[in-house]
Every structure is written in C-alpha cells, then in structure tokens.
Amino acid sequence: LQLRLGLDAGFRHILRPALSKVWRVVLVATGAFGYVTLGLLSIIVGYSLIQVAVRYNPSEAGGWDEALWLLAGLVQGRLLLGVASAGLICYGFYFVLLMRYRTL
C-alpha cells in the first residue's frame, strides 16, 4: 500500500484545494519519496519474515534494523542508507506539513 501511494501519489486528494502550487509540489514530492522508501523497506522486512516462516526459526526474524543492515552490506551500501535516511526524513516532514495543509 505504501509503495502504491508513493508511486501514484494517491494521497493528493487529502490536500487542501486552495493550497499554493509550491506547497503542493513540496507535499507531493516529500510524500511520494517517503512512501516509496517506507514501502521498499517494508518489503525487505516482509521478505525477512517470510524467510523465517519457511525455515521455522523465529530467532532469525529481522525487523527494520536488519533491513537497514542488509542495505549497508550491499555494494553501494552507504549511498543506499543515505537515500533510505533521506526518504524517511521526507516521510516525517510530509506528515508535519500534512498537519497544516490537510483538508478536514
């Protein structure tokens, strides 16, 4: 769901109609980047949980920390961690802005 919301910006309908073009672009960009990042990290965590279910070893279950360690271990790990961090920061910034610019 998060990945879909980020890719098609399916959250635009909750923004105020009279919102200025600049703020609309900022909200849509930060929201889309944040949702895509959260969706991809959720897929990694879900994959970890599926692996645990297949192997029947609950002690190997990973969470967000394991997903980030997986990214760190890849060839471009530092870059990927930086992108993931920026995406999560955008996700948080989007929700801070949403408190002000959301329709009620």
PDB file of N, CA and C in Angstrom:
ATOM      1  N   LEU A   1       0.824  -1.191   0.000  1.00  0.00           N
ATOM      2  CA  LEU A   1       0.000   0.000   0.000  1.00  0.00           C
ATOM      3  C   LEU A   1       0.866   1.252   0.000  1.00  0.00           C
ATOM      4  N   GLN A   2       1.914   1.272   0.821  1.00  0.00           N
ATOM      5  CA  GLN A   2       2.771   2.458   0.892  1.00  0.00           C
ATOM      6  C   GLN A   2       3.478   2.698  -0.436  1.00  0.00           C
ATOM      7  N   LEU A   3       3.952   1.628  -1.042  1.00  0.00           N
ATOM      8  CA  LEU A   3       4.643   1.753  -2.321  1.00  0.00           C
ATOM      9  C   LEU A   3       3.697   2.299  -3.385  1.00  0.00           C
ATOM     10  N   ARG A   4       2.477   1.795  -3.410  1.00  0.00           N
ATOM     11  CA  ARG A   4       1.490   2.285  -4.384  1.00  0.00           C
ATOM     12  C   ARG A   4       1.153   3.751  -4.143  1.00  0.00           C
ATOM     13  N   LEU A   5       0.977   4.124  -2.866  1.00  0.00           N
ATOM     14  CA  LEU A   5       0.689   5.519  -2.554  1.00  0.00           C
ATOM     15  C   LEU A   5       1.816   6.437  -3.011  1.00  0.00           C
ATOM     16  N   GLY A   6       3.044   5.976  -2.877  1.00  0.00           N
ATOM     17  CA  GLY A   6       4.178   6.788  -3.302  1.00  0.00           C
ATOM     18  C   GLY A   6       4.302   6.887  -4.806  1.00  0.00           C
ATOM     19  N   LEU A   7       4.066   5.788  -5.499  1.00  0.00           N
ATOM     20  CA  LEU A   7       4.237   5.783  -6.954  1.00  0.00           C
ATOM     21  C   LEU A   7       3.156   6.566  -7.682  1.00  0.00           C
ATOM     22  N   ASP A   8       1.917   6.489  -7.214  1.00  0.00           N
ATOM     23  CA  ASP A   8       0.854   7.221  -7.912  1.00  0.00           C
ATOM     24  C   ASP A   8       0.385   8.462  -7.152  1.00  0.00           C
ATOM     25  N   ALA A   9       1.092   8.805  -6.065  1.00  0.00           N
ATOM     26  CA  ALA A   9       0.741   9.972  -5.235  1.00  0.00           C
ATOM     27  C   ALA A   9      -0.747   9.945  -4.894  1.00  0.00           C
ATOM     28  N   GLY A  10      -1.223   8.801  -4.467  1.00  0.00           N
ATOM     29  CA  GLY A  10      -2.631   8.598  -4.164  1.00  0.00           C
ATOM     30  C   GLY A  10      -3.124   9.337  -2.941  1.00  0.00           C
ATOM     31  N   PHE A  11      -2.281  10.112  -2.332  1.00  0.00           N
ATOM     32  CA  PHE A  11      -2.647  10.879  -1.141  1.00  0.00           C
ATOM     33  C   PHE A  11      -2.987  12.325  -1.483  1.00  0.00           C
ATOM     34  N   ARG A  12      -2.928  12.704  -2.746  1.00  0.00           N
ATOM     35  CA  ARG A  12      -3.158  14.099  -3.142  1.00  0.00           C
ATOM     36  C   ARG A  12      -4.566  14.582  -2.828  1.00  0.00           C
ATOM     37  N   HIS A  13      -5.524  13.677  -2.807  1.00  0.00           N
ATOM     38  CA  HIS A  13      -6.909  14.080  -2.584  1.00  0.00           C
ATOM     39  C   HIS A  13      -7.157  14.632  -1.180  1.00  0.00           C
ATOM     40  N   ILE A  14      -6.258  14.389  -0.234  1.00  0.00           N
ATOM     41  CA  ILE A  14      -6.471  14.890   1.124  1.00  0.00           C
ATOM     42  C   ILE A  14      -5.851  16.270   1.343  1.00  0.00           C
ATOM     43  N   LEU A  15      -5.195  16.818   0.318  1.00  0.00           N
ATOM     44  CA  LEU A  15      -4.605  18.142   0.442  1.00  0.00           C
ATOM     45  C   LEU A  15      -5.663  19.211   0.181  1.00  0.00           C
ATOM     46  N   ARG A  16      -5.492  20.344   0.819  1.00  0.00           N
ATOM     47  CA  ARG A  16      -6.434  21.449   0.615  1.00  0.00           C
ATOM     48  C   ARG A  16      -6.457  21.866  -0.847  1.00  0.00           C
ATOM     49  N   PRO A  17      -7.640  22.122  -1.403  1.00  0.00           N
ATOM     50  CA  PRO A  17      -7.725  22.548  -2.806  1.00  0.00           C
ATOM     51  C   PRO A  17      -7.072  23.908  -3.057  1.00  0.00           C
ATOM     52  N   ALA A  18      -7.122  24.809  -2.090  1.00  0.00           N
ATOM     53  CA  ALA A  18      -6.588  26.156  -2.273  1.00  0.00           C
ATOM     54  C   ALA A  18      -5.095  26.245  -1.950  1.00  0.00           C
ATOM     55  N   LEU A  19      -4.432  25.133  -1.834  1.00  0.00           N
ATOM     56  CA  LEU A  19      -3.019  25.095  -1.499  1.00  0.00           C
ATOM     57  C   LEU A  19      -2.196  25.682  -2.641  1.00  0.00           C
ATOM     58  N   SER A  20      -1.193  26.498  -2.306  1.00  0.00           N
ATOM     59  CA  SER A  20      -0.365  27.100  -3.349  1.00  0.00           C
ATOM     60  C   SER A  20       0.393  26.015  -4.108  1.00  0.00           C
ATOM     61  N   LYS A  21       0.759  26.345  -5.341  1.00  0.00           N
ATOM     62  CA  LYS A  21       1.431  25.365  -6.194  1.00  0.00           C
ATOM     63  C   LYS A  21       2.765  24.910  -5.593  1.00  0.00           C
ATOM     64  N   VAL A  22       3.498  25.822  -4.983  1.00  0.00           N
ATOM     65  CA  VAL A  22       4.798  25.475  -4.397  1.00  0.00           C
ATOM     66  C   VAL A  22       4.623  24.476  -3.264  1.00  0.00           C
ATOM     67  N   TRP A  23       3.679  24.745  -2.343  1.00  0.00           N
ATOM     68  CA  TRP A  23       3.466  23.834  -1.227  1.00  0.00           C
ATOM     69  C   TRP A  23       2.913  22.501  -1.693  1.00  0.00           C
ATOM     70  N   ARG A  24       2.078  22.516  -2.733  1.00  0.00           N
ATOM     71  CA  ARG A  24       1.545  21.260  -3.266  1.00  0.00           C
ATOM     72  C   ARG A  24       2.689  20.407  -3.825  1.00  0.00           C
ATOM     73  N   VAL A  25       3.623  21.033  -4.567  1.00  0.00           N
ATOM     74  CA  VAL A  25       4.760  20.294  -5.117  1.00  0.00           C
ATOM     75  C   VAL A  25       5.620  19.733  -3.990  1.00  0.00           C
ATOM     76  N   VAL A  26       5.872  20.535  -2.948  1.00  0.00           N
ATOM     77  CA  VAL A  26       6.686  20.077  -1.817  1.00  0.00           C
ATOM     78  C   VAL A  26       6.012  18.904  -1.119  1.00  0.00           C
ATOM     79  N   LEU A  27       4.720  19.024  -0.863  1.00  0.00           N
ATOM     80  CA  LEU A  27       3.999  17.948  -0.183  1.00  0.00           C
ATOM     81  C   LEU A  27       3.959  16.672  -1.016  1.00  0.00           C
ATOM     82  N   VAL A  28       3.683  16.801  -2.295  1.00  0.00           N
ATOM     83  CA  VAL A  28       3.600  15.607  -3.145  1.00  0.00           C
ATOM     84  C   VAL A  28       4.976  14.966  -3.289  1.00  0.00           C
ATOM     85  N   ALA A  29       6.023  15.772  -3.452  1.00  0.00           N
ATOM     86  CA  ALA A  29       7.373  15.216  -3.617  1.00  0.00           C
ATOM     87  C   ALA A  29       7.848  14.518  -2.350  1.00  0.00           C
ATOM     88  N   THR A  30       7.708  15.174  -1.201  1.00  0.00           N
ATOM     89  CA  THR A  30       8.172  14.552   0.043  1.00  0.00           C
ATOM     90  C   THR A  30       7.312  13.343   0.399  1.00  0.00           C
ATOM     91  N   GLY A  31       6.018  13.441   0.165  1.00  0.00           N
ATOM     92  CA  GLY A  31       5.138  12.312   0.452  1.00  0.00           C
ATOM     93  C   GLY A  31       5.438  11.119  -0.441  1.00  0.00           C
ATOM     94  N   ALA A  32       5.618  11.373  -1.734  1.00  0.00           N
ATOM     95  CA  ALA A  32       5.894  10.279  -2.664  1.00  0.00           C
ATOM     96  C   ALA A  32       7.221   9.599  -2.335  1.00  0.00           C
ATOM     97  N   PHE A  33       8.274  10.382  -2.123  1.00  0.00           N
ATOM     98  CA  PHE A  33       9.588   9.825  -1.809  1.00  0.00           C
ATOM     99  C   PHE A  33       9.545   9.066  -0.486  1.00  0.00           C
ATOM    100  N   GLY A  34       8.866   9.632   0.490  1.00  0.00           N
ATOM    101  CA  GLY A  34       8.755   8.981   1.787  1.00  0.00           C
ATOM    102  C   GLY A  34       7.974   7.680   1.736  1.00  0.00           C
ATOM    103  N   TYR A  35       6.851   7.694   1.041  1.00  0.00           N
ATOM    104  CA  TYR A  35       6.044   6.474   0.929  1.00  0.00           C
ATOM    105  C   TYR A  35       6.780   5.376   0.160  1.00  0.00           C
ATOM    106  N   VAL A  36       7.480   5.735  -0.919  1.00  0.00           N
ATOM    107  CA  VAL A  36       8.234   4.733  -1.676  1.00  0.00           C
ATOM    108  C   VAL A  36       9.326   4.132  -0.805  1.00  0.00           C
ATOM    109  N   THR A  37      10.056   4.978  -0.069  1.00  0.00           N
ATOM    110  CA  THR A  37      11.107   4.484   0.815  1.00  0.00           C
ATOM    111  C   THR A  37      10.537   3.539   1.861  1.00  0.00           C
ATOM    112  N   LEU A  38       9.466   3.957   2.506  1.00  0.00           N
ATOM    113  CA  LEU A  38       8.846   3.120   3.527  1.00  0.00           C
ATOM    114  C   LEU A  38       8.334   1.816   2.929  1.00  0.00           C
ATOM    115  N   GLY A  39       7.782   1.869   1.740  1.00  0.00           N
ATOM    116  CA  GLY A  39       7.297   0.666   1.080  1.00  0.00           C
ATOM    117  C   GLY A  39       8.416  -0.311   0.761  1.00  0.00           C
ATOM    118  N   LEU A  40       9.540   0.195   0.251  1.00  0.00           N
ATOM    119  CA  LEU A  40      10.663  -0.683  -0.073  1.00  0.00           C
ATOM    120  C   LEU A  40      11.268  -1.305   1.183  1.00  0.00           C
ATOM    121  N   LEU A  41      11.411  -0.516   2.238  1.00  0.00           N
ATOM    122  CA  LEU A  41      11.926  -1.073   3.488  1.00  0.00           C
ATOM    123  C   LEU A  41      10.951  -2.095   4.070  1.00  0.00           C
ATOM    124  N   SER A  42       9.661  -1.863   3.918  1.00  0.00           N
ATOM    125  CA  SER A  42       8.667  -2.830   4.386  1.00  0.00           C
ATOM    126  C   SER A  42       8.750  -4.138   3.610  1.00  0.00           C
ATOM    127  N   ILE A  43       9.053  -4.059   2.324  1.00  0.00           N
ATOM    128  CA  ILE A  43       9.226  -5.271   1.516  1.00  0.00           C
ATOM    129  C   ILE A  43      10.419  -6.075   2.019  1.00  0.00           C
ATOM    130  N   ILE A  44      11.498  -5.391   2.356  1.00  0.00           N
ATOM    131  CA  ILE A  44      12.679  -6.092   2.876  1.00  0.00           C
ATOM    132  C   ILE A  44      12.356  -6.771   4.208  1.00  0.00           C
ATOM    133  N   VAL A  45      11.641  -6.059   5.087  1.00  0.00           N
ATOM    134  CA  VAL A  45      11.252  -6.646   6.374  1.00  0.00           C
ATOM    135  C   VAL A  45      10.309  -7.827   6.140  1.00  0.00           C
ATOM    136  N   GLY A  46       9.364  -7.690   5.231  1.00  0.00           N
ATOM    137  CA  GLY A  46       8.443  -8.778   4.916  1.00  0.00           C
ATOM    138  C   GLY A  46       9.163  -9.993   4.360  1.00  0.00           C
ATOM    139  N   TYR A  47      10.161  -9.757   3.521  1.00  0.00           N
ATOM    140  CA  TYR A  47      10.959 -10.864   2.992  1.00  0.00           C
ATOM    141  C   TYR A  47      11.658 -11.607   4.125  1.00  0.00           C
ATOM    142  N   SER A  48      12.174 -10.855   5.081  1.00  0.00           N
ATOM    143  CA  SER A  48      12.824 -11.475   6.236  1.00  0.00           C
ATOM    144  C   SER A  48      11.837 -12.350   7.006  1.00  0.00           C
ATOM    145  N   LEU A  49      10.624 -11.867   7.194  1.00  0.00           N
ATOM    146  CA  LEU A  49       9.616 -12.641   7.914  1.00  0.00           C
ATOM    147  C   LEU A  49       9.200 -13.900   7.149  1.00  0.00           C
ATOM    148  N   ILE A  50       9.144 -13.799   5.822  1.00  0.00           N
ATOM    149  CA  ILE A  50       8.820 -14.973   5.011  1.00  0.00           C
ATOM    150  C   ILE A  50       9.928 -16.012   5.129  1.00  0.00           C
ATOM    151  N   GLN A  51      11.169 -15.553   5.126  1.00  0.00           N
ATOM    152  CA  GLN A  51      12.296 -16.482   5.281  1.00  0.00           C
ATOM    153  C   GLN A  51      12.218 -17.215   6.617  1.00  0.00           C
ATOM    154  N   VAL A  52      11.824 -16.505   7.656  1.00  0.00           N
ATOM    155  CA  VAL A  52      11.670 -17.128   8.973  1.00  0.00           C
ATOM    156  C   VAL A  52      10.563 -18.176   8.930  1.00  0.00           C
ATOM    157  N   ALA A  53       9.464 -17.844   8.270  1.00  0.00           N
ATOM    158  CA  ALA A  53       8.351 -18.788   8.186  1.00  0.00           C
ATOM    159  C   ALA A  53       8.747 -20.045   7.419  1.00  0.00           C
ATOM    160  N   VAL A  54       9.540 -19.881   6.390  1.00  0.00           N
ATOM    161  CA  VAL A  54       9.970 -21.028   5.590  1.00  0.00           C
ATOM    162  C   VAL A  54      10.949 -21.897   6.363  1.00  0.00           C
ATOM    163  N   ARG A  55      11.833 -21.275   7.109  1.00  0.00           N
ATOM    164  CA  ARG A  55      12.868 -22.029   7.833  1.00  0.00           C
ATOM    165  C   ARG A  55      12.423 -22.481   9.223  1.00  0.00           C
ATOM    166  N   TYR A  56      11.286 -21.986   9.716  1.00  0.00           N
ATOM    167  CA  TYR A  56      10.775 -22.325  11.048  1.00  0.00           C
ATOM    168  C   TYR A  56      11.766 -21.982  12.158  1.00  0.00           C
ATOM    169  N   ASN A  57      12.445 -20.866  12.041  1.00  0.00           N
ATOM    170  CA  ASN A  57      13.394 -20.467  13.067  1.00  0.00           C
ATOM    171  C   ASN A  57      13.095 -19.028  13.491  1.00  0.00           C
ATOM    172  N   PRO A  58      12.203 -18.832  14.462  1.00  0.00           N
ATOM    173  CA  PRO A  58      11.807 -17.484  14.856  1.00  0.00           C
ATOM    174  C   PRO A  58      12.958 -16.616  15.361  1.00  0.00           C
ATOM    175  N   SER A  59      14.037 -17.207  15.817  1.00  0.00           N
ATOM    176  CA  SER A  59      15.147 -16.400  16.327  1.00  0.00           C
ATOM    177  C   SER A  59      15.844 -15.620  15.211  1.00  0.00           C
ATOM    178  N   GLU A  60      15.581 -15.979  13.956  1.00  0.00           N
ATOM    179  CA  GLU A  60      16.195 -15.283  12.832  1.00  0.00           C
ATOM    180  C   GLU A  60      15.328 -14.144  12.310  1.00  0.00           C
ATOM    181  N   ALA A  61      14.193 -13.910  12.933  1.00  0.00           N
ATOM    182  CA  ALA A  61      13.297 -12.859  12.450  1.00  0.00           C
ATOM    183  C   ALA A  61      13.986 -11.511  12.536  1.00  0.00           C
ATOM    184  N   GLY A  62      13.888 -10.750  11.476  1.00  0.00           N
ATOM    185  CA  GLY A  62      14.507  -9.432  11.443  1.00  0.00           C
ATOM    186  C   GLY A  62      13.448  -8.353  11.377  1.00  0.00           C
ATOM    187  N   GLY A  63      13.847  -7.181  11.692  1.00  0.00           N
ATOM    188  CA  GLY A  63      12.952  -6.037  11.630  1.00  0.00           C
ATOM    189  C   GLY A  63      13.596  -4.924  10.814  1.00  0.00           C
ATOM    190  N   TRP A  64      13.290  -3.704  11.193  1.00  0.00           N
ATOM    191  CA  TRP A  64      13.826  -2.549  10.477  1.00  0.00           C
ATOM    192  C   TRP A  64      15.346  -2.507  10.548  1.00  0.00           C
ATOM    193  N   ASP A  65      15.905  -2.887  11.690  1.00  0.00           N
ATOM    194  CA  ASP A  65      17.361  -2.843  11.808  1.00  0.00           C
ATOM    195  C   ASP A  65      18.019  -3.817  10.837  1.00  0.00           C
ATOM    196  N   GLU A  66      17.440  -4.994  10.667  1.00  0.00           N
ATOM    197  CA  GLU A  66      18.014  -5.953   9.722  1.00  0.00           C
ATOM    198  C   GLU A  66      17.880  -5.459   8.284  1.00  0.00           C
ATOM    199  N   ALA A  67      16.766  -4.805   7.980  1.00  0.00           N
ATOM    200  CA  ALA A  67      16.598  -4.255   6.631  1.00  0.00           C
ATOM    201  C   ALA A  67      17.670  -3.217   6.337  1.00  0.00           C
ATOM    202  N   LEU A  68      17.967  -2.379   7.309  1.00  0.00           N
ATOM    203  CA  LEU A  68      18.999  -1.363   7.110  1.00  0.00           C
ATOM    204  C   LEU A  68      20.393  -1.982   7.050  1.00  0.00           C
ATOM    205  N   TRP A  69      20.643  -3.026   7.830  1.00  0.00           N
ATOM    206  CA  TRP A  69      21.931  -3.728   7.749  1.00  0.00           C
ATOM    207  C   TRP A  69      22.089  -4.403   6.394  1.00  0.00           C
ATOM    208  N   LEU A  70      20.985  -4.915   5.846  1.00  0.00           N
ATOM    209  CA  LEU A  70      21.037  -5.518   4.517  1.00  0.00           C
ATOM    210  C   LEU A  70      21.455  -4.483   3.485  1.00  0.00           C
ATOM    211  N   LEU A  71      20.870  -3.298   3.571  1.00  0.00           N
ATOM    212  CA  LEU A  71      21.251  -2.225   2.657  1.00  0.00           C
ATOM    213  C   LEU A  71      22.719  -1.845   2.830  1.00  0.00           C
ATOM    214  N   ALA A  72      23.162  -1.792   4.071  1.00  0.00           N
ATOM    215  CA  ALA A  72      24.547  -1.400   4.348  1.00  0.00           C
ATOM    216  C   ALA A  72      25.531  -2.413   3.775  1.00  0.00           C
ATOM    217  N   GLY A  73      25.150  -3.665   3.696  1.00  0.00           N
ATOM    218  CA  GLY A  73      26.032  -4.708   3.210  1.00  0.00           C
ATOM    219  C   GLY A  73      26.145  -4.790   1.698  1.00  0.00           C
ATOM    220  N   LEU A  74      25.313  -4.073   0.979  1.00  0.00           N
ATOM    221  CA  LEU A  74      25.365  -4.102  -0.481  1.00  0.00           C
ATOM    222  C   LEU A  74      26.538  -3.264  -0.983  1.00  0.00           C
ATOM    223  N   VAL A  75      26.838  -3.386  -2.268  1.00  0.00           N
ATOM    224  CA  VAL A  75      27.990  -2.707  -2.851  1.00  0.00           C
ATOM    225  C   VAL A  75      27.930  -1.197  -2.621  1.00  0.00           C
ATOM    226  N   GLN A  76      26.813  -0.602  -2.877  1.00  0.00           N
ATOM    227  CA  GLN A  76      26.633   0.833  -2.677  1.00  0.00           C
ATOM    228  C   GLN A  76      25.889   1.095  -1.371  1.00  0.00           C
ATOM    229  N   GLY A  77      26.252   0.373  -0.323  1.00  0.00           N
ATOM    230  CA  GLY A  77      25.519   0.410   0.942  1.00  0.00           C
ATOM    231  C   GLY A  77      25.402   1.780   1.567  1.00  0.00           C
ATOM    232  N   ARG A  78      26.491   2.532   1.591  1.00  0.00           N
ATOM    233  CA  ARG A  78      26.432   3.863   2.208  1.00  0.00           C
ATOM    234  C   ARG A  78      25.479   4.778   1.455  1.00  0.00           C
ATOM    235  N   LEU A  79      25.522   4.697   0.135  1.00  0.00           N
ATOM    236  CA  LEU A  79      24.625   5.509  -0.682  1.00  0.00           C
ATOM    237  C   LEU A  79      23.175   5.092  -0.440  1.00  0.00           C
ATOM    238  N   LEU A  80      22.924   3.790  -0.419  1.00  0.00           N
ATOM    239  CA  LEU A  80      21.559   3.305  -0.195  1.00  0.00           C
ATOM    240  C   LEU A  80      21.038   3.680   1.187  1.00  0.00           C
ATOM    241  N   LEU A  81      21.904   3.609   2.194  1.00  0.00           N
ATOM    242  CA  LEU A  81      21.488   4.045   3.532  1.00  0.00           C
ATOM    243  C   LEU A  81      21.194   5.538   3.553  1.00  0.00           C
ATOM    244  N   GLY A  82      21.973   6.305   2.837  1.00  0.00           N
ATOM    245  CA  GLY A  82      21.715   7.739   2.750  1.00  0.00           C
ATOM    246  C   GLY A  82      20.390   8.039   2.086  1.00  0.00           C
ATOM    247  N   VAL A  83      20.095   7.323   1.001  1.00  0.00           N
ATOM    248  CA  VAL A  83      18.817   7.507   0.303  1.00  0.00           C
ATOM    249  C   VAL A  83      17.661   7.071   1.199  1.00  0.00           C
ATOM    250  N   ALA A  84      17.820   5.941   1.889  1.00  0.00           N
ATOM    251  CA  ALA A  84      16.774   5.470   2.799  1.00  0.00           C
ATOM    252  C   ALA A  84      16.560   6.471   3.926  1.00  0.00           C
ATOM    253  N   SER A  85      17.641   7.027   4.451  1.00  0.00           N
ATOM    254  CA  SER A  85      17.521   8.028   5.519  1.00  0.00           C
ATOM    255  C   SER A  85      16.810   9.271   5.017  1.00  0.00           C
ATOM    256  N   ALA A  86      17.196   9.728   3.830  1.00  0.00           N
ATOM    257  CA  ALA A  86      16.540  10.910   3.259  1.00  0.00           C
ATOM    258  C   ALA A  86      15.054  10.640   3.025  1.00  0.00           C
ATOM    259  N   GLY A  87      14.737   9.438   2.568  1.00  0.00           N
ATOM    260  CA  GLY A  87      13.335   9.081   2.342  1.00  0.00           C
ATOM    261  C   GLY A  87      12.527   9.068   3.621  1.00  0.00           C
ATOM    262  N   LEU A  88      13.100   8.538   4.689  1.00  0.00           N
ATOM    263  CA  LEU A  88      12.381   8.517   5.970  1.00  0.00           C
ATOM    264  C   LEU A  88      12.250   9.920   6.553  1.00  0.00           C
ATOM    265  N   ILE A  89      13.250  10.757   6.338  1.00  0.00           N
ATOM    266  CA  ILE A  89      13.146  12.157   6.773  1.00  0.00           C
ATOM    267  C   ILE A  89      12.048  12.856   5.988  1.00  0.00           C
ATOM    268  N   CYS A  90      11.984  12.619   4.680  1.00  0.00           N
ATOM    269  CA  CYS A  90      10.909  13.202   3.864  1.00  0.00           C
ATOM    270  C   CYS A  90       9.541  12.719   4.322  1.00  0.00           C
ATOM    271  N   TYR A  91       9.453  11.465   4.682  1.00  0.00           N
ATOM    272  CA  TYR A  91       8.191  10.908   5.176  1.00  0.00           C
ATOM    273  C   TYR A  91       7.744  11.646   6.434  1.00  0.00           C
ATOM    274  N   GLY A  92       8.663  11.863   7.351  1.00  0.00           N
ATOM    275  CA  GLY A  92       8.337  12.616   8.564  1.00  0.00           C
ATOM    276  C   GLY A  92       7.979  14.057   8.264  1.00  0.00           C
ATOM    277  N   PHE A  93       8.741  14.698   7.378  1.00  0.00           N
ATOM    278  CA  PHE A  93       8.482  16.090   7.008  1.00  0.00           C
ATOM    279  C   PHE A  93       7.118  16.218   6.336  1.00  0.00           C
ATOM    280  N   TYR A  94       6.769  15.239   5.508  1.00  0.00           N
ATOM    281  CA  TYR A  94       5.469  15.230   4.844  1.00  0.00           C
ATOM    282  C   TYR A  94       4.346  15.238   5.876  1.00  0.00           C
ATOM    283  N   PHE A  95       4.459  14.426   6.921  1.00  0.00           N
ATOM    284  CA  PHE A  95       3.402  14.380   7.920  1.00  0.00           C
ATOM    285  C   PHE A  95       3.344  15.641   8.765  1.00  0.00           C
ATOM    286  N   VAL A  96       4.472  16.277   8.993  1.00  0.00           N
ATOM    287  CA  VAL A  96       4.458  17.562   9.700  1.00  0.00           C
ATOM    288  C   VAL A  96       3.720  18.599   8.855  1.00  0.00           C
ATOM    289  N   LEU A  97       4.029  18.653   7.561  1.00  0.00           N
ATOM    290  CA  LEU A  97       3.323  19.584   6.667  1.00  0.00           C
ATOM    291  C   LEU A  97       1.857  19.226   6.514  1.00  0.00           C
ATOM    292  N   LEU A  98       1.561  17.940   6.528  1.00  0.00           N
ATOM    293  CA  LEU A  98       0.189  17.487   6.361  1.00  0.00           C
ATOM    294  C   LEU A  98      -0.718  17.979   7.484  1.00  0.00           C
ATOM    295  N   MET A  99      -0.160  18.144   8.671  1.00  0.00           N
ATOM    296  CA  MET A  99      -0.967  18.662   9.782  1.00  0.00           C
ATOM    297  C   MET A  99      -1.528  20.042   9.465  1.00  0.00           C
ATOM    298  N   ARG A 100      -0.793  20.797   8.670  1.00  0.00           N
ATOM    299  CA  ARG A 100      -1.246  22.143   8.352  1.00  0.00           C
ATOM    300  C   ARG A 100      -2.069  22.206   7.073  1.00  0.00           C
ATOM    301  N   TYR A 101      -1.731  21.413   6.088  1.00  0.00           N
ATOM    302  CA  TYR A 101      -2.316  21.566   4.750  1.00  0.00           C
ATOM    303  C   TYR A 101      -3.314  20.483   4.364  1.00  0.00           C
ATOM    304  N   ARG A 102      -3.781  19.713   5.299  1.00  0.00           N
ATOM    305  CA  ARG A 102      -4.744  18.660   5.000  1.00  0.00           C
ATOM    306  C   ARG A 102      -6.169  19.208   5.118  1.00  0.00           C
ATOM    307  N   THR A 103      -7.061  18.688   4.273  1.00  0.00           N
ATOM    308  CA  THR A 103      -8.467  19.052   4.400  1.00  0.00           C
ATOM    309  C   THR A 103      -9.061  18.235   5.543  1.00  0.00           C
ATOM    310  N   LEU A 104      -9.991  18.831   6.241  1.00  0.00           N
ATOM    311  CA  LEU A 104     -10.642  18.138   7.354  1.00  0.00           C
ATOM    312  C   LEU A 104     -12.054  17.748   7.011  1.00  0.00           C
TER     313      LEU A 104
END
